[in-house]
Protein backbone atom coordinates (compact mmCIF):
# COMPACT_ATOMS: atom_id res chain seq x y z
CA MET A 1 -8.23 -23.39 141.16
CA ASN A 2 -10.91 -24.27 138.62
CA ASP A 3 -12.14 -22.11 135.74
CA ASP A 4 -14.98 -20.52 137.73
CA ALA A 5 -12.64 -19.48 140.53
CA LYS A 6 -10.13 -18.09 138.03
CA PHE A 7 -12.86 -16.11 136.26
CA ILE A 8 -14.14 -14.66 139.54
CA SER A 9 -10.62 -13.83 140.69
CA GLN A 10 -9.68 -12.15 137.40
CA SER A 11 -12.97 -10.21 137.31
CA LEU A 12 -12.41 -8.87 140.80
CA LYS A 13 -8.82 -7.89 139.99
CA MET A 14 -9.89 -6.10 136.79
CA GLN A 15 -12.34 -4.00 138.82
CA GLY A 16 -9.69 -3.14 141.41
CA PHE A 17 -11.07 -5.30 144.22
CA ALA A 18 -8.93 -7.37 146.55
CA VAL A 19 -9.22 -11.11 146.01
CA TYR A 20 -9.60 -13.36 149.04
CA LYS A 21 -9.64 -17.08 148.26
CA ASP A 22 -12.05 -17.75 151.12
CA ASP A 23 -14.62 -15.44 149.48
CA ILE A 24 -14.62 -17.16 146.08
CA PRO A 25 -16.96 -20.06 147.06
CA TYR A 26 -19.41 -17.53 148.52
CA ILE A 27 -19.28 -15.38 145.36
CA ARG A 28 -19.73 -18.51 143.22
CA SER A 29 -22.81 -19.40 145.28
CA ILE A 30 -24.30 -15.94 144.76
CA LEU A 31 -23.64 -16.12 141.01
CA HIS A 32 -25.29 -19.55 140.90
CA THR A 33 -28.37 -18.17 142.68
CA ILE A 34 -28.56 -15.27 140.22
CA HIS A 35 -28.26 -17.69 137.30
CA GLN A 36 -31.04 -19.93 138.67
CA THR A 37 -33.28 -16.87 139.08
CA GLN A 38 -32.62 -15.80 135.50
CA ILE A 39 -33.65 -19.26 134.29
CA ALA A 40 -36.90 -19.01 136.26
CA LEU A 41 -37.63 -15.55 134.85
CA ARG A 42 -37.10 -16.83 131.30
CA SER A 43 -39.72 -19.51 131.98
CA PHE A 44 -42.15 -17.03 133.56
CA PRO A 45 -41.31 -13.59 132.13
CA ASN A 46 -44.51 -11.93 133.38
CA LEU A 47 -44.11 -13.15 136.94
CA TYR A 48 -43.61 -9.60 138.22
CA GLU A 49 -47.15 -8.76 137.06
CA THR A 50 -48.70 -11.35 139.39
CA PHE A 51 -50.10 -9.99 142.63
CA PRO A 52 -48.94 -11.75 145.77
CA ILE A 53 -51.50 -13.38 148.02
CA THR A 54 -51.74 -11.75 151.43
CA ILE A 55 -53.31 -13.53 154.36
CA VAL A 56 -54.20 -11.32 157.29
CA ASP A 57 -54.78 -12.70 160.76
CA LYS A 58 -58.07 -11.18 161.99
CA ARG A 59 -56.66 -10.88 165.50
CA LEU A 60 -54.07 -8.40 164.21
CA LEU A 61 -56.78 -6.06 162.89
CA GLN A 62 -58.40 -5.57 166.30
């Protein structure tokens, strides 16, 4: 078990959750996604202020 897996396992145990070894890669993947998102938000901190572009199909308005 590498350091990441040990950290995840210990964190779950400290919070009273059961630890299943098969879940650790999935949890690591989620944590990686969160980390990547945090990096993007540091680069573009005002991204939430940007309005999304909406394209409406005219046939749906009829």
